Amino acid sequence: MTSVFLANLFDMQPTTIILIVVLVVLLFGGSKLPELARGLGKARREFKRASDEIEDEVRTALDEDERKRAKLEEEERVKVRAKIEEEERAKLSAGQDKKPEA
């Protein structure tokens, strides 16, 4: 529905655009148009600021998630290394105990 509206909006004839402009001037009056334009500009800036803030929050959350994941992976690697070293020490001590003395 929206895509059809946008397609029709960009496919307008020049006379249609002029008619819309005339209707806007009649509805709002010539003196209200600058005020209307300022209001639209403020709304656009506010929307842009809000969308930038949301984007920053999402990016920060993703970065924090990535740091947490990397920290957990590193902790897991440390645990695995410690377990492997413990097993190797156990094998070495078991091997030394079984060595016959000459």
C-alpha atoms as a PDB file:
ATOM      1  CA  MET A   1       0.000   0.000   0.000  1.00  0.00           C
ATOM      2  CA  THR A   2       2.727   2.486   1.006  1.00  0.00           C
ATOM      3  CA  SER A   3       4.958   1.598  -1.929  1.00  0.00           C
ATOM      4  CA  VAL A   4       2.078   2.217  -4.351  1.00  0.00           C
ATOM      5  CA  PHE A   5       1.463   5.616  -2.736  1.00  0.00           C
ATOM      6  CA  LEU A   6       5.146   6.558  -2.993  1.00  0.00           C
ATOM      7  CA  ALA A   7       5.317   5.406  -6.603  1.00  0.00           C
ATOM      8  CA  ASN A   8       2.322   7.587  -7.433  1.00  0.00           C
ATOM      9  CA  LEU A   9       3.775  10.478  -5.423  1.00  0.00           C
ATOM     10  CA  PHE A  10       6.991  10.553  -7.451  1.00  0.00           C
ATOM     11  CA  ASP A  11       5.151  10.027 -10.726  1.00  0.00           C
ATOM     12  CA  MET A  12       3.040  13.208 -10.447  1.00  0.00           C
ATOM     13  CA  GLN A  13       2.562  15.653 -13.285  1.00  0.00           C
ATOM     14  CA  PRO A  14       3.760  19.272 -12.844  1.00  0.00           C
ATOM     15  CA  THR A  15       0.154  20.495 -12.902  1.00  0.00           C
ATOM     16  CA  THR A  16      -0.685  18.182  -9.998  1.00  0.00           C
ATOM     17  CA  ILE A  17       2.222  19.538  -7.967  1.00  0.00           C
ATOM     18  CA  ILE A  18       1.143  23.141  -8.700  1.00  0.00           C
ATOM     19  CA  LEU A  19      -2.415  22.298  -7.674  1.00  0.00           C
ATOM     20  CA  ILE A  20      -1.193  20.819  -4.367  1.00  0.00           C
ATOM     21  CA  VAL A  21       0.949  23.912  -3.671  1.00  0.00           C
ATOM     22  CA  VAL A  22      -2.023  26.207  -4.387  1.00  0.00           C
ATOM     23  CA  LEU A  23      -4.233  24.156  -2.046  1.00  0.00           C
ATOM     24  CA  VAL A  24      -1.614  24.332   0.707  1.00  0.00           C
ATOM     25  CA  VAL A  25      -1.351  28.122   0.325  1.00  0.00           C
ATOM     26  CA  LEU A  26      -5.137  28.433   0.433  1.00  0.00           C
ATOM     27  CA  LEU A  27      -5.442  26.193   3.494  1.00  0.00           C
ATOM     28  CA  PHE A  28      -2.626  27.669   5.564  1.00  0.00           C
ATOM     29  CA  GLY A  29      -2.288  31.150   4.101  1.00  0.00           C
ATOM     30  CA  GLY A  30       0.887  32.783   2.837  1.00  0.00           C
ATOM     31  CA  SER A  31       1.919  34.080   6.253  1.00  0.00           C
ATOM     32  CA  LYS A  32       1.664  30.638   7.900  1.00  0.00           C
ATOM     33  CA  LEU A  33       3.872  28.821   5.357  1.00  0.00           C
ATOM     34  CA  PRO A  34       7.234  29.934   6.858  1.00  0.00           C
ATOM     35  CA  GLU A  35       5.982  28.919  10.296  1.00  0.00           C
ATOM     36  CA  LEU A  36       4.848  25.575   8.914  1.00  0.00           C
ATOM     37  CA  ALA A  37       8.225  25.071   7.216  1.00  0.00           C
ATOM     38  CA  ARG A  38      10.074  25.891  10.472  1.00  0.00           C
ATOM     39  CA  GLY A  39       7.890  23.408  12.323  1.00  0.00           C
ATOM     40  CA  LEU A  40       8.607  20.720   9.736  1.00  0.00           C
ATOM     41  CA  GLY A  41      12.332  21.482   9.955  1.00  0.00           C
ATOM     42  CA  LYS A  42      12.288  21.196  13.743  1.00  0.00           C
ATOM     43  CA  ALA A  43      10.359  17.946  13.560  1.00  0.00           C
ATOM     44  CA  ARG A  44      12.843  16.557  11.031  1.00  0.00           C
ATOM     45  CA  ARG A  45      15.841  17.538  13.196  1.00  0.00           C
ATOM     46  CA  GLU A  46      14.230  16.034  16.293  1.00  0.00           C
ATOM     47  CA  PHE A  47      13.467  12.813  14.431  1.00  0.00           C
ATOM     48  CA  LYS A  48      17.042  12.637  13.137  1.00  0.00           C
ATOM     49  CA  ARG A  49      18.438  13.247  16.634  1.00  0.00           C
ATOM     50  CA  ALA A  50      16.206  10.569  18.153  1.00  0.00           C
ATOM     51  CA  SER A  51      17.084   8.038  15.460  1.00  0.00           C
ATOM     52  CA  ASP A  52      20.814   8.769  15.954  1.00  0.00           C
ATOM     53  CA  GLU A  53      20.442   8.230  19.712  1.00  0.00           C
ATOM     54  CA  ILE A  54      18.663   4.916  19.174  1.00  0.00           C
ATOM     55  CA  GLU A  55      21.329   3.835  16.686  1.00  0.00           C
ATOM     56  CA  ASP A  56      24.057   4.719  19.210  1.00  0.00           C
ATOM     57  CA  GLU A  57      22.283   2.770  21.959  1.00  0.00           C
ATOM     58  CA  VAL A  58      21.937  -0.287  19.741  1.00  0.00           C
ATOM     59  CA  ARG A  59      25.574  -0.058  18.660  1.00  0.00           C
ATOM     60  CA  THR A  60      26.697   0.291  22.300  1.00  0.00           C
ATOM     61  CA  ALA A  61      24.588  -2.696  23.354  1.00  0.00           C
ATOM     62  CA  LEU A  62      26.020  -4.810  20.532  1.00  0.00           C
ATOM     63  CA  ASP A  63      29.581  -3.809  21.449  1.00  0.00           C
ATOM     64  CA  GLU A  64      28.946  -4.630  25.100  1.00  0.00           C
ATOM     65  CA  ASP A  65      27.477  -7.996  24.108  1.00  0.00           C
ATOM     66  CA  GLU A  66      30.547  -8.725  21.982  1.00  0.00           C
ATOM     67  CA  ARG A  67      32.888  -7.831  24.872  1.00  0.00           C
ATOM     68  CA  LYS A  68      30.947 -10.101  27.247  1.00  0.00           C
ATOM     69  CA  ARG A  69      31.044 -12.943  24.742  1.00  0.00           C
ATOM     70  CA  ALA A  70      34.794 -12.517  24.219  1.00  0.00           C
ATOM     71  CA  LYS A  71      35.356 -12.463  27.998  1.00  0.00           C
ATOM     72  CA  LEU A  72      33.337 -15.667  28.447  1.00  0.00           C
ATOM     73  CA  GLU A  73      35.256 -17.353  25.632  1.00  0.00           C
ATOM     74  CA  GLU A  74      38.572 -16.354  27.215  1.00  0.00           C
ATOM     75  CA  GLU A  75      37.449 -17.672  30.614  1.00  0.00           C
ATOM     76  CA  GLU A  76      36.443 -20.953  28.948  1.00  0.00           C
ATOM     77  CA  ARG A  77      39.865 -21.191  27.238  1.00  0.00           C
ATOM     78  CA  VAL A  78      41.608 -20.634  30.585  1.00  0.00           C
ATOM     79  CA  LYS A  79      39.539 -23.407  32.182  1.00  0.00           C
ATOM     80  CA  VAL A  80      40.307 -25.826  29.336  1.00  0.00           C
ATOM     81  CA  ARG A  81      44.054 -25.006  29.480  1.00  0.00           C
ATOM     82  CA  ALA A  82      44.082 -25.555  33.246  1.00  0.00           C
ATOM     83  CA  LYS A  83      42.317 -28.902  32.839  1.00  0.00           C
ATOM     84  CA  ILE A  84      44.745 -30.037  30.127  1.00  0.00           C
ATOM     85  CA  GLU A  85      47.751 -29.004  32.215  1.00  0.00           C
ATOM     86  CA  GLU A  86      46.341 -30.855  35.225  1.00  0.00           C
ATOM     87  CA  GLU A  87      45.828 -34.003  33.136  1.00  0.00           C
ATOM     88  CA  GLU A  88      49.383 -33.759  31.759  1.00  0.00           C
ATOM     89  CA  ARG A  89      50.793 -33.336  35.271  1.00  0.00           C
ATOM     90  CA  ALA A  90      48.778 -36.367  36.412  1.00  0.00           C
ATOM     91  CA  LYS A  91      50.139 -38.434  33.505  1.00  0.00           C
ATOM     92  CA  LEU A  92      53.702 -37.333  34.213  1.00  0.00           C
ATOM     93  CA  SER A  93      53.454 -38.115  37.908  1.00  0.00           C
ATOM     94  CA  ALA A  94      51.837 -41.478  37.146  1.00  0.00           C
ATOM     95  CA  GLY A  95      54.627 -42.241  34.665  1.00  0.00           C
ATOM     96  CA  GLN A  96      57.334 -41.324  37.167  1.00  0.00           C
ATOM     97  CA  ASP A  97      55.760 -43.519  39.824  1.00  0.00           C
ATOM     98  CA  LYS A  98      55.841 -46.553  37.513  1.00  0.00           C
ATOM     99  CA  LYS A  99      59.500 -46.075  36.456  1.00  0.00           C
ATOM    100  CA  PRO A 100      61.591 -48.942  37.746  1.00  0.00           C
ATOM    101  CA  GLU A 101      64.594 -47.852  39.771  1.00  0.00           C
ATOM    102  CA  ALA A 102      67.872 -49.292  38.633  1.00  0.00           C
END
